[in-house]
PDB file of all heavy atoms in Angstrom:
ATOM      1  N   THR A   1       0.849  -1.182   0.000  1.00  0.00           N
ATOM      2  CA  THR A   1       0.000   0.000   0.000  1.00  0.00           C
ATOM      3  C   THR A   1       0.887   1.236   0.000  1.00  0.00           C
ATOM      4  O   THR A   1       2.012   1.209   0.505  1.00  0.00           O
ATOM      5  CB  THR A   1      -0.918   0.042   1.236  1.00  0.00           C
ATOM      6  OG1 THR A   1      -0.117   0.056   2.429  1.00  0.00           O
ATOM      7  CG2 THR A   1      -1.847  -1.157   1.261  1.00  0.00           C
ATOM      8  N   SER A   2       0.372   2.322  -0.575  1.00  0.00           N
ATOM      9  CA  SER A   2       1.114   3.571  -0.635  1.00  0.00           C
ATOM     10  C   SER A   2       0.445   4.622   0.234  1.00  0.00           C
ATOM     11  O   SER A   2      -0.750   4.516   0.546  1.00  0.00           O
ATOM     12  CB  SER A   2       1.192   4.076  -2.081  1.00  0.00           C
ATOM     13  OG  SER A   2      -0.050   4.640  -2.474  1.00  0.00           O
ATOM     14  N   PRO A   3       1.169   5.682   0.613  1.00  0.00           N
ATOM     15  CA  PRO A   3       0.548   6.758   1.391  1.00  0.00           C
ATOM     16  C   PRO A   3      -0.563   7.464   0.634  1.00  0.00           C
ATOM     17  O   PRO A   3      -1.412   8.120   1.240  1.00  0.00           O
ATOM     18  CB  PRO A   3       1.726   7.707   1.664  1.00  0.00           C
ATOM     19  CG  PRO A   3       2.944   6.864   1.545  1.00  0.00           C
ATOM     20  CD  PRO A   3       2.622   5.863   0.480  1.00  0.00           C
ATOM     21  N   GLN A   4      -0.595   7.359  -0.692  1.00  0.00           N
ATOM     22  CA  GLN A   4      -1.612   8.008  -1.501  1.00  0.00           C
ATOM     23  C   GLN A   4      -2.910   7.191  -1.599  1.00  0.00           C
ATOM     24  O   GLN A   4      -3.839   7.583  -2.292  1.00  0.00           O
ATOM     25  CB  GLN A   4      -1.075   8.266  -2.911  1.00  0.00           C
ATOM     26  CG  GLN A   4       0.050   9.286  -2.972  1.00  0.00           C
ATOM     27  CD  GLN A   4       1.379   8.732  -2.487  1.00  0.00           C
ATOM     28  OE1 GLN A   4       1.658   7.538  -2.654  1.00  0.00           O
ATOM     29  NE2 GLN A   4       2.199   9.577  -1.882  1.00  0.00           N
ATOM     30  N   GLY A   5      -2.954   6.038  -0.915  1.00  0.00           N
ATOM     31  CA  GLY A   5      -4.159   5.230  -0.925  1.00  0.00           C
ATOM     32  C   GLY A   5      -4.205   4.175  -2.007  1.00  0.00           C
ATOM     33  O   GLY A   5      -5.226   3.513  -2.199  1.00  0.00           O
ATOM     34  N   GLU A   6      -3.132   3.994  -2.742  1.00  0.00           N
ATOM     35  CA  GLU A   6      -3.064   2.941  -3.747  1.00  0.00           C
ATOM     36  C   GLU A   6      -2.677   1.616  -3.092  1.00  0.00           C
ATOM     37  O   GLU A   6      -2.000   1.597  -2.061  1.00  0.00           O
ATOM     38  CB  GLU A   6      -2.045   3.284  -4.827  1.00  0.00           C
ATOM     39  CG  GLU A   6      -2.365   4.539  -5.610  1.00  0.00           C
ATOM     40  CD  GLU A   6      -1.275   4.880  -6.596  1.00  0.00           C
ATOM     41  OE1 GLU A   6      -0.089   4.636  -6.288  1.00  0.00           O
ATOM     42  OE2 GLU A   6      -1.594   5.389  -7.680  1.00  0.00           O
ATOM     43  N   SER A   7      -3.097   0.531  -3.686  1.00  0.00           N
ATOM     44  CA  SER A   7      -2.656  -0.794  -3.236  1.00  0.00           C
ATOM     45  C   SER A   7      -2.287  -1.624  -4.450  1.00  0.00           C
ATOM     46  O   SER A   7      -2.845  -1.447  -5.535  1.00  0.00           O
ATOM     47  CB  SER A   7      -3.742  -1.497  -2.417  1.00  0.00           C
ATOM     48  OG  SER A   7      -4.889  -1.751  -3.206  1.00  0.00           O
ATOM     49  N   LEU A   8      -1.347  -2.511  -4.254  1.00  0.00           N
ATOM     50  CA  LEU A   8      -0.847  -3.350  -5.343  1.00  0.00           C
ATOM     51  C   LEU A   8      -0.657  -4.755  -4.813  1.00  0.00           C
ATOM     52  O   LEU A   8      -0.019  -4.952  -3.764  1.00  0.00           O
ATOM     53  CB  LEU A   8       0.484  -2.795  -5.862  1.00  0.00           C
ATOM     54  CG  LEU A   8       1.130  -3.519  -7.049  1.00  0.00           C
ATOM     55  CD1 LEU A   8       0.275  -3.355  -8.295  1.00  0.00           C
ATOM     56  CD2 LEU A   8       2.536  -2.979  -7.295  1.00  0.00           C
ATOM     57  N   GLU A   9      -1.199  -5.728  -5.509  1.00  0.00           N
ATOM     58  CA  GLU A   9      -1.034  -7.137  -5.129  1.00  0.00           C
ATOM     59  C   GLU A   9      -0.413  -7.899  -6.290  1.00  0.00           C
ATOM     60  O   GLU A   9      -0.893  -7.825  -7.421  1.00  0.00           O
ATOM     61  CB  GLU A   9      -2.367  -7.768  -4.745  1.00  0.00           C
ATOM     62  CG  GLU A   9      -2.216  -9.200  -4.243  1.00  0.00           C
ATOM     63  CD  GLU A   9      -3.478  -9.746  -3.611  1.00  0.00           C
ATOM     64  OE1 GLU A   9      -4.381  -8.940  -3.312  1.00  0.00           O
ATOM     65  OE2 GLU A   9      -3.562 -10.972  -3.410  1.00  0.00           O
ATOM     66  N   LEU A  10       0.678  -8.619  -6.001  1.00  0.00           N
ATOM     67  CA  LEU A  10       1.414  -9.371  -7.007  1.00  0.00           C
ATOM     68  C   LEU A  10       1.368 -10.847  -6.659  1.00  0.00           C
ATOM     69  O   LEU A  10       1.550 -11.229  -5.499  1.00  0.00           O
ATOM     70  CB  LEU A  10       2.876  -8.917  -7.058  1.00  0.00           C
ATOM     71  CG  LEU A  10       3.139  -7.420  -7.168  1.00  0.00           C
ATOM     72  CD1 LEU A  10       4.631  -7.140  -7.085  1.00  0.00           C
ATOM     73  CD2 LEU A  10       2.562  -6.872  -8.456  1.00  0.00           C
ATOM     74  N   VAL A  11       1.147 -11.672  -7.658  1.00  0.00           N
ATOM     75  CA  VAL A  11       1.262 -13.130  -7.526  1.00  0.00           C
ATOM     76  C   VAL A  11       2.117 -13.603  -8.687  1.00  0.00           C
ATOM     77  O   VAL A  11       1.728 -13.453  -9.851  1.00  0.00           O
ATOM     78  CB  VAL A  11      -0.101 -13.829  -7.541  1.00  0.00           C
ATOM     79  CG1 VAL A  11       0.084 -15.335  -7.402  1.00  0.00           C
ATOM     80  CG2 VAL A  11      -0.998 -13.296  -6.432  1.00  0.00           C
ATOM     81  N   ALA A  12       3.279 -14.155  -8.395  1.00  0.00           N
ATOM     82  CA  ALA A  12       4.204 -14.605  -9.440  1.00  0.00           C
ATOM     83  C   ALA A  12       4.511 -16.079  -9.236  1.00  0.00           C
ATOM     84  O   ALA A  12       4.916 -16.494  -8.148  1.00  0.00           O
ATOM     85  CB  ALA A  12       5.492 -13.792  -9.398  1.00  0.00           C
ATOM     86  N   GLU A  13       4.323 -16.865 -10.277  1.00  0.00           N
ATOM     87  CA  GLU A  13       4.640 -18.281 -10.232  1.00  0.00           C
ATOM     88  C   GLU A  13       6.088 -18.504 -10.642  1.00  0.00           C
ATOM     89  O   GLU A  13       6.674 -17.720 -11.387  1.00  0.00           O
ATOM     90  CB  GLU A  13       3.734 -19.072 -11.172  1.00  0.00           C
ATOM     91  CG  GLU A  13       2.290 -19.086 -10.746  1.00  0.00           C
ATOM     92  CD  GLU A  13       1.438 -19.933 -11.662  1.00  0.00           C
ATOM     93  OE1 GLU A  13       1.978 -20.438 -12.664  1.00  0.00           O
ATOM     94  OE2 GLU A  13       0.240 -20.086 -11.383  1.00  0.00           O
ATOM     95  N   ARG A  14       6.641 -19.580 -10.156  1.00  0.00           N
ATOM     96  CA  ARG A  14       8.005 -19.955 -10.506  1.00  0.00           C
ATOM     97  C   ARG A  14       8.016 -21.363 -11.080  1.00  0.00           C
ATOM     98  O   ARG A  14       7.357 -22.256 -10.562  1.00  0.00           O
ATOM     99  CB  ARG A  14       8.906 -19.914  -9.267  1.00  0.00           C
ATOM    100  CG  ARG A  14      10.331 -20.344  -9.551  1.00  0.00           C
ATOM    101  CD  ARG A  14      11.118 -20.490  -8.264  1.00  0.00           C
ATOM    102  NE  ARG A  14      12.477 -20.900  -8.527  1.00  0.00           N
ATOM    103  CZ  ARG A  14      13.326 -21.299  -7.592  1.00  0.00           C
ATOM    104  NH1 ARG A  14      12.947 -21.336  -6.345  1.00  0.00           N
ATOM    105  NH2 ARG A  14      14.554 -21.656  -7.903  1.00  0.00           N
ATOM    106  N   ARG A  15       8.793 -21.511 -12.165  1.00  0.00           N
ATOM    107  CA  ARG A  15       8.992 -22.825 -12.757  1.00  0.00           C
ATOM    108  C   ARG A  15      10.464 -23.154 -12.659  1.00  0.00           C
ATOM    109  O   ARG A  15      11.316 -22.425 -13.158  1.00  0.00           O
ATOM    110  CB  ARG A  15       8.536 -22.843 -14.219  1.00  0.00           C
ATOM    111  CG  ARG A  15       8.680 -24.205 -14.882  1.00  0.00           C
ATOM    112  CD  ARG A  15       8.098 -24.166 -16.279  1.00  0.00           C
ATOM    113  NE  ARG A  15       8.732 -23.133 -17.077  1.00  0.00           N
ATOM    114  CZ  ARG A  15       8.231 -22.665 -18.220  1.00  0.00           C
ATOM    115  NH1 ARG A  15       7.084 -23.123 -18.669  1.00  0.00           N
ATOM    116  NH2 ARG A  15       8.868 -21.734 -18.902  1.00  0.00           N
ATOM    117  N   ARG A  16      10.795 -24.249 -11.992  1.00  0.00           N
ATOM    118  CA  ARG A  16      12.194 -24.597 -11.793  1.00  0.00           C
ATOM    119  C   ARG A  16      12.867 -24.976 -13.103  1.00  0.00           C
ATOM    120  O   ARG A  16      12.243 -25.487 -14.011  1.00  0.00           O
ATOM    121  CB  ARG A  16      12.342 -25.756 -10.801  1.00  0.00           C
ATOM    122  CG  ARG A  16      12.047 -25.350  -9.367  1.00  0.00           C
ATOM    123  CD  ARG A  16      12.456 -26.436  -8.396  1.00  0.00           C
ATOM    124  NE  ARG A  16      12.306 -25.989  -7.027  1.00  0.00           N
ATOM    125  CZ  ARG A  16      13.221 -25.304  -6.371  1.00  0.00           C
ATOM    126  NH1 ARG A  16      14.349 -24.966  -6.971  1.00  0.00           N
ATOM    127  NH2 ARG A  16      13.018 -24.930  -5.115  1.00  0.00           N
ATOM    128  N   GLY A  17      14.193 -24.753 -13.128  1.00  0.00           N
ATOM    129  CA  GLY A  17      14.969 -25.106 -14.308  1.00  0.00           C
ATOM    130  C   GLY A  17      16.241 -24.316 -14.340  1.00  0.00           C
ATOM    131  O   GLY A  17      16.407 -23.331 -13.638  1.00  0.00           O
ATOM    132  N   GLY A  18      17.197 -24.741 -15.159  1.00  0.00           N
ATOM    133  CA  GLY A  18      18.456 -24.022 -15.251  1.00  0.00           C
ATOM    134  C   GLY A  18      19.436 -24.507 -14.222  1.00  0.00           C
ATOM    135  O   GLY A  18      19.095 -25.093 -13.202  1.00  0.00           O
ATOM    136  N   SER A  19      20.709 -24.229 -14.503  1.00  0.00           N
ATOM    137  CA  SER A  19      21.768 -24.761 -13.646  1.00  0.00           C
ATOM    138  C   SER A  19      22.252 -23.781 -12.610  1.00  0.00           C
ATOM    139  O   SER A  19      22.902 -24.171 -11.656  1.00  0.00           O
ATOM    140  CB  SER A  19      22.965 -25.178 -14.525  1.00  0.00           C
ATOM    141  OG  SER A  19      23.432 -24.065 -15.277  1.00  0.00           O
ATOM    142  N   SER A  20      21.950 -22.476 -12.760  1.00  0.00           N
ATOM    143  CA  SER A  20      22.515 -21.528 -11.809  1.00  0.00           C
ATOM    144  C   SER A  20      21.524 -20.472 -11.332  1.00  0.00           C
ATOM    145  O   SER A  20      21.678 -19.969 -10.232  1.00  0.00           O
ATOM    146  CB  SER A  20      23.717 -20.811 -12.448  1.00  0.00           C
ATOM    147  OG  SER A  20      23.320 -20.117 -13.604  1.00  0.00           O
ATOM    148  N   MET A  21      20.511 -20.136 -12.114  1.00  0.00           N
ATOM    149  CA  MET A  21      19.549 -19.129 -11.708  1.00  0.00           C
ATOM    150  C   MET A  21      18.158 -19.574 -12.130  1.00  0.00           C
ATOM    151  O   MET A  21      18.001 -20.235 -13.141  1.00  0.00           O
ATOM    152  CB  MET A  21      19.875 -17.761 -12.346  1.00  0.00           C
ATOM    153  CG  MET A  21      21.203 -17.182 -11.917  1.00  0.00           C
ATOM    154  SD  MET A  21      21.514 -15.596 -12.714  1.00  0.00           S
ATOM    155  CE  MET A  21      20.336 -14.561 -11.852  1.00  0.00           C
ATOM    156  N   PRO A  22      17.137 -19.226 -11.323  1.00  0.00           N
ATOM    157  CA  PRO A  22      15.783 -19.626 -11.702  1.00  0.00           C
ATOM    158  C   PRO A  22      15.373 -18.988 -13.014  1.00  0.00           C
ATOM    159  O   PRO A  22      15.801 -17.882 -13.338  1.00  0.00           O
ATOM    160  CB  PRO A  22      14.933 -19.083 -10.545  1.00  0.00           C
ATOM    161  CG  PRO A  22      15.891 -18.870  -9.423  1.00  0.00           C
ATOM    162  CD  PRO A  22      17.195 -18.527 -10.058  1.00  0.00           C
ATOM    163  N   PRO A  23      14.521 -19.650 -13.799  1.00  0.00           N
ATOM    164  CA  PRO A  23      14.090 -19.097 -15.083  1.00  0.00           C
ATOM    165  C   PRO A  23      12.970 -18.102 -14.903  1.00  0.00           C
ATOM    166  O   PRO A  23      12.482 -17.875 -13.805  1.00  0.00           O
ATOM    167  CB  PRO A  23      13.591 -20.334 -15.822  1.00  0.00           C
ATOM    168  CG  PRO A  23      13.014 -21.166 -14.719  1.00  0.00           C
ATOM    169  CD  PRO A  23      13.946 -20.963 -13.533  1.00  0.00           C
ATOM    170  N   PHE A  24      12.523 -17.539 -16.010  1.00  0.00           N
ATOM    171  CA  PHE A  24      11.339 -16.714 -15.978  1.00  0.00           C
ATOM    172  C   PHE A  24      10.146 -17.570 -15.581  1.00  0.00           C
ATOM    173  O   PHE A  24      10.025 -18.709 -15.996  1.00  0.00           O
ATOM    174  CB  PHE A  24      11.077 -16.104 -17.358  1.00  0.00           C
ATOM    175  CG  PHE A  24      12.172 -15.226 -17.846  1.00  0.00           C
ATOM    176  CD1 PHE A  24      12.949 -15.605 -18.912  1.00  0.00           C
ATOM    177  CD2 PHE A  24      12.434 -14.012 -17.232  1.00  0.00           C
ATOM    178  CE1 PHE A  24      13.957 -14.790 -19.385  1.00  0.00           C
ATOM    179  CE2 PHE A  24      13.435 -13.192 -17.696  1.00  0.00           C
ATOM    180  CZ  PHE A  24      14.207 -13.580 -18.767  1.00  0.00           C
ATOM    181  N   ALA A  25       9.282 -17.023 -14.778  1.00  0.00           N
ATOM    182  CA  ALA A  25       8.083 -17.747 -14.402  1.00  0.00           C
ATOM    183  C   ALA A  25       7.055 -17.647 -15.527  1.00  0.00           C
ATOM    184  O   ALA A  25       7.059 -16.703 -16.289  1.00  0.00           O
ATOM    185  CB  ALA A  25       7.505 -17.178 -13.109  1.00  0.00           C
ATOM    186  N   PRO A  26       6.157 -18.619 -15.645  1.00  0.00           N
ATOM    187  CA  PRO A  26       5.223 -18.618 -16.751  1.00  0.00           C
ATOM    188  C   PRO A  26       4.073 -17.635 -16.599  1.00  0.00           C
ATOM    189  O   PRO A  26       3.407 -17.326 -17.571  1.00  0.00           O
ATOM    190  CB  PRO A  26       4.700 -20.052 -16.758  1.00  0.00           C
ATOM    191  CG  PRO A  26       4.848 -20.503 -15.347  1.00  0.00           C
ATOM    192  CD  PRO A  26       6.087 -19.846 -14.842  1.00  0.00           C
ATOM    193  N   ARG A  27       3.791 -17.141 -15.391  1.00  0.00           N
ATOM    194  CA  ARG A  27       2.623 -16.287 -15.235  1.00  0.00           C
ATOM    195  C   ARG A  27       2.779 -15.394 -14.021  1.00  0.00           C
ATOM    196  O   ARG A  27       3.371 -15.755 -13.026  1.00  0.00           O
ATOM    197  CB  ARG A  27       1.355 -17.141 -15.051  1.00  0.00           C
ATOM    198  CG  ARG A  27       0.078 -16.330 -14.935  1.00  0.00           C
ATOM    199  CD  ARG A  27      -1.107 -17.237 -14.668  1.00  0.00           C
ATOM    200  NE  ARG A  27      -1.006 -17.895 -13.376  1.00  0.00           N
ATOM    201  CZ  ARG A  27      -1.399 -17.332 -12.225  1.00  0.00           C
ATOM    202  NH1 ARG A  27      -1.891 -16.116 -12.221  1.00  0.00           N
ATOM    203  NH2 ARG A  27      -1.294 -17.987 -11.093  1.00  0.00           N
ATOM    204  N   CYS A  28       2.248 -14.208 -14.113  1.00  0.00           N
ATOM    205  CA  CYS A  28       2.093 -13.381 -12.934  1.00  0.00           C
ATOM    206  C   CYS A  28       0.770 -12.655 -13.029  1.00  0.00           C
ATOM    207  O   CYS A  28       0.243 -12.404 -14.106  1.00  0.00           O
ATOM    208  CB  CYS A  28       3.232 -12.390 -12.770  1.00  0.00           C
ATOM    209  SG  CYS A  28       2.916 -10.762 -13.417  1.00  0.00           S
ATOM    210  N   THR A  29       0.206 -12.342 -11.877  1.00  0.00           N
ATOM    211  CA  THR A  29      -1.037 -11.606 -11.811  1.00  0.00           C
ATOM    212  C   THR A  29      -0.821 -10.363 -10.976  1.00  0.00           C
ATOM    213  O   THR A  29      -0.199 -10.415  -9.923  1.00  0.00           O
ATOM    214  CB  THR A  29      -2.156 -12.464 -11.200  1.00  0.00           C
ATOM    215  OG1 THR A  29      -2.321 -13.640 -11.986  1.00  0.00           O
ATOM    216  CG2 THR A  29      -3.466 -11.698 -11.150  1.00  0.00           C
ATOM    217  N   VAL A  30      -1.344  -9.246 -11.451  1.00  0.00           N
ATOM    218  CA  VAL A  30      -1.213  -7.976 -10.752  1.00  0.00           C
ATOM    219  C   VAL A  30      -2.595  -7.397 -10.530  1.00  0.00           C
ATOM    220  O   VAL A  30      -3.398  -7.332 -11.460  1.00  0.00           O
ATOM    221  CB  VAL A  30      -0.360  -6.972 -11.560  1.00  0.00           C
ATOM    222  CG1 VAL A  30      -0.323  -5.620 -10.865  1.00  0.00           C
ATOM    223  CG2 VAL A  30       1.048  -7.502 -11.757  1.00  0.00           C
ATOM    224  N   ALA A  31      -2.901  -7.012  -9.305  1.00  0.00           N
ATOM    225  CA  ALA A  31      -4.136  -6.296  -9.008  1.00  0.00           C
ATOM    226  C   ALA A  31      -3.752  -4.949  -8.419  1.00  0.00           C
ATOM    227  O   ALA A  31      -3.059  -4.886  -7.405  1.00  0.00           O
ATOM    228  CB  ALA A  31      -5.008  -7.078  -8.035  1.00  0.00           C
ATOM    229  N   TRP A  32      -4.178  -3.895  -9.073  1.00  0.00           N
ATOM    230  CA  TRP A  32      -3.800  -2.541  -8.669  1.00  0.00           C
ATOM    231  C   TRP A  32      -5.050  -1.750  -8.356  1.00  0.00           C
ATOM    232  O   TRP A  32      -5.963  -1.670  -9.162  1.00  0.00           O
ATOM    233  CB  TRP A  32      -3.007  -1.864  -9.785  1.00  0.00           C
ATOM    234  CG  TRP A  32      -2.804  -0.390  -9.623  1.00  0.00           C
ATOM    235  CD1 TRP A  32      -2.257   0.263  -8.570  1.00  0.00           C
ATOM    236  CD2 TRP A  32      -3.169   0.620 -10.569  1.00  0.00           C
ATOM    237  NE1 TRP A  32      -2.240   1.616  -8.784  1.00  0.00           N
ATOM    238  CE2 TRP A  32      -2.800   1.873 -10.016  1.00  0.00           C
ATOM    239  CE3 TRP A  32      -3.766   0.606 -11.828  1.00  0.00           C
ATOM    240  CZ2 TRP A  32      -3.005   3.070 -10.667  1.00  0.00           C
ATOM    241  CZ3 TRP A  32      -3.974   1.800 -12.485  1.00  0.00           C
ATOM    242  CH2 TRP A  32      -3.591   3.006 -11.917  1.00  0.00           C
ATOM    243  N   LYS A  33      -5.109  -1.174  -7.165  1.00  0.00           N
ATOM    244  CA  LYS A  33      -6.291  -0.447  -6.728  1.00  0.00           C
ATOM    245  C   LYS A  33      -5.900   0.987  -6.416  1.00  0.00           C
ATOM    246  O   LYS A  33      -4.993   1.240  -5.634  1.00  0.00           O
ATOM    247  CB  LYS A  33      -6.920  -1.098  -5.504  1.00  0.00           C
ATOM    248  CG  LYS A  33      -8.219  -0.426  -5.055  1.00  0.00           C
ATOM    249  CD  LYS A  33      -8.823  -1.155  -3.880  1.00  0.00           C
ATOM    250  CE  LYS A  33     -10.138  -0.515  -3.452  1.00  0.00           C
ATOM    251  NZ  LYS A  33     -10.739  -1.199  -2.297  1.00  0.00           N
ATOM    252  N   LYS A  34      -6.598   1.924  -7.048  1.00  0.00           N
ATOM    253  CA  LYS A  34      -6.413   3.340  -6.762  1.00  0.00           C
ATOM    254  C   LYS A  34      -7.759   3.925  -6.382  1.00  0.00           C
ATOM    255  O   LYS A  34      -8.656   4.030  -7.202  1.00  0.00           O
ATOM    256  CB  LYS A  34      -5.832   4.073  -7.971  1.00  0.00           C
ATOM    257  CG  LYS A  34      -5.556   5.548  -7.698  1.00  0.00           C
ATOM    258  CD  LYS A  34      -4.933   6.217  -8.902  1.00  0.00           C
ATOM    259  CE  LYS A  34      -4.627   7.680  -8.606  1.00  0.00           C
ATOM    260  NZ  LYS A  34      -4.025   8.367  -9.771  1.00  0.00           N
ATOM    261  N   ARG A  35      -7.893   4.255  -5.098  1.00  0.00           N
ATOM    262  CA  ARG A  35      -9.156   4.737  -4.548  1.00  0.00           C
ATOM    263  C   ARG A  35     -10.239   3.686  -4.826  1.00  0.00           C
ATOM    264  O   ARG A  35     -10.200   2.615  -4.265  1.00  0.00           O
ATOM    265  CB  ARG A  35      -9.491   6.107  -5.124  1.00  0.00           C
ATOM    266  CG  ARG A  35      -8.456   7.182  -4.745  1.00  0.00           C
ATOM    267  CD  ARG A  35      -8.857   8.536  -5.283  1.00  0.00           C
ATOM    268  NE  ARG A  35      -7.868   9.546  -4.896  1.00  0.00           N
ATOM    269  CZ  ARG A  35      -6.834   9.893  -5.639  1.00  0.00           C
ATOM    270  NH1 ARG A  35      -6.656   9.316  -6.817  1.00  0.00           N
ATOM    271  NH2 ARG A  35      -5.983  10.807  -5.227  1.00  0.00           N
ATOM    272  N   SER A  36     -11.202   3.972  -5.707  1.00  0.00           N
ATOM    273  CA  SER A  36     -12.283   3.015  -5.931  1.00  0.00           C
ATOM    274  C   SER A  36     -12.119   2.240  -7.226  1.00  0.00           C
ATOM    275  O   SER A  36     -13.003   1.507  -7.631  1.00  0.00           O
ATOM    276  CB  SER A  36     -13.632   3.758  -5.973  1.00  0.00           C
ATOM    277  OG  SER A  36     -13.635   4.709  -7.023  1.00  0.00           O
ATOM    278  N   THR A  37     -10.964   2.400  -7.897  1.00  0.00           N
ATOM    279  CA  THR A  37     -10.743   1.740  -9.181  1.00  0.00           C
ATOM    280  C   THR A  37      -9.849   0.525  -8.993  1.00  0.00           C
ATOM    281  O   THR A  37      -8.785   0.623  -8.397  1.00  0.00           O
ATOM    282  CB  THR A  37     -10.094   2.706 -10.179  1.00  0.00           C
ATOM    283  OG1 THR A  37     -10.939   3.840 -10.325  1.00  0.00           O
ATOM    284  CG2 THR A  37      -9.906   2.038 -11.537  1.00  0.00           C
ATOM    285  N   LEU A  38     -10.263  -0.596  -9.500  1.00  0.00           N
ATOM    286  CA  LEU A  38      -9.478  -1.827  -9.406  1.00  0.00           C
ATOM    287  C   LEU A  38      -9.167  -2.324 -10.804  1.00  0.00           C
ATOM    288  O   LEU A  38     -10.071  -2.510 -11.621  1.00  0.00           O
ATOM    289  CB  LEU A  38     -10.237  -2.919  -8.643  1.00  0.00           C
ATOM    290  CG  LEU A  38      -9.527  -4.272  -8.499  1.00  0.00           C
ATOM    291  CD1 LEU A  38      -8.272  -4.109  -7.654  1.00  0.00           C
ATOM    292  CD2 LEU A  38     -10.453  -5.299  -7.878  1.00  0.00           C
ATOM    293  N   ALA A  39      -7.896  -2.524 -11.074  1.00  0.00           N
ATOM    294  CA  ALA A  39      -7.476  -3.053 -12.371  1.00  0.00           C
ATOM    295  C   ALA A  39      -6.733  -4.355 -12.146  1.00  0.00           C
ATOM    296  O   ALA A  39      -5.848  -4.423 -11.300  1.00  0.00           O
ATOM    297  CB  ALA A  39      -6.584  -2.051 -13.092  1.00  0.00           C
ATOM    298  N   SER A  40      -7.086  -5.381 -12.872  1.00  0.00           N
ATOM    299  CA  SER A  40      -6.397  -6.666 -12.789  1.00  0.00           C
ATOM    300  C   SER A  40      -5.749  -6.958 -14.126  1.00  0.00           C
ATOM    301  O   SER A  40      -6.384  -6.843 -15.167  1.00  0.00           O
ATOM    302  CB  SER A  40      -7.365  -7.789 -12.421  1.00  0.00           C
ATOM    303  OG  SER A  40      -7.895  -7.584 -11.132  1.00  0.00           O
ATOM    304  N   MET A  41      -4.479  -7.306 -14.084  1.00  0.00           N
ATOM    305  CA  MET A  41      -3.723  -7.543 -15.296  1.00  0.00           C
ATOM    306  C   MET A  41      -2.967  -8.861 -15.162  1.00  0.00           C
ATOM    307  O   MET A  41      -2.516  -9.207 -14.085  1.00  0.00           O
ATOM    308  CB  MET A  41      -2.703  -6.425 -15.535  1.00  0.00           C
ATOM    309  CG  MET A  41      -3.317  -5.026 -15.682  1.00  0.00           C
ATOM    310  SD  MET A  41      -3.700  -4.225 -14.139  1.00  0.00           S
ATOM    311  CE  MET A  41      -2.056  -3.816 -13.563  1.00  0.00           C
ATOM    312  N   CYS A  42      -2.851  -9.577 -16.238  1.00  0.00           N
ATOM    313  CA  CYS A  42      -2.042 -10.787 -16.249  1.00  0.00           C
ATOM    314  C   CYS A  42      -0.915 -10.607 -17.255  1.00  0.00           C
ATOM    315  O   CYS A  42      -1.125 -10.098 -18.345  1.00  0.00           O
ATOM    316  CB  CYS A  42      -2.859 -12.016 -16.636  1.00  0.00           C
ATOM    317  SG  CYS A  42      -4.085 -12.473 -15.385  1.00  0.00           S
ATOM    318  N   GLY A  43       0.274 -11.028 -16.867  1.00  0.00           N
ATOM    319  CA  GLY A  43       1.405 -10.872 -17.768  1.00  0.00           C
ATOM    320  C   GLY A  43       2.463 -11.917 -17.505  1.00  0.00           C
ATOM    321  O   GLY A  43       2.461 -12.567 -16.472  1.00  0.00           O
TER     322      GLY A  43
END
C-alpha cells in the first residue's frame, strides 16, 4: 500500500529449471487499486 491510498497485489509463479539461476516464471497476476478503481492484469 502507498501513502496516496493505492494498493498493489502481485502473484508470481516460478517454474524450476536451469543450472545456476531460476528461469522466468510462466505467469504473474497484478491487481492494482487506486481509490475506488481496481485493475487486474495478467502478464
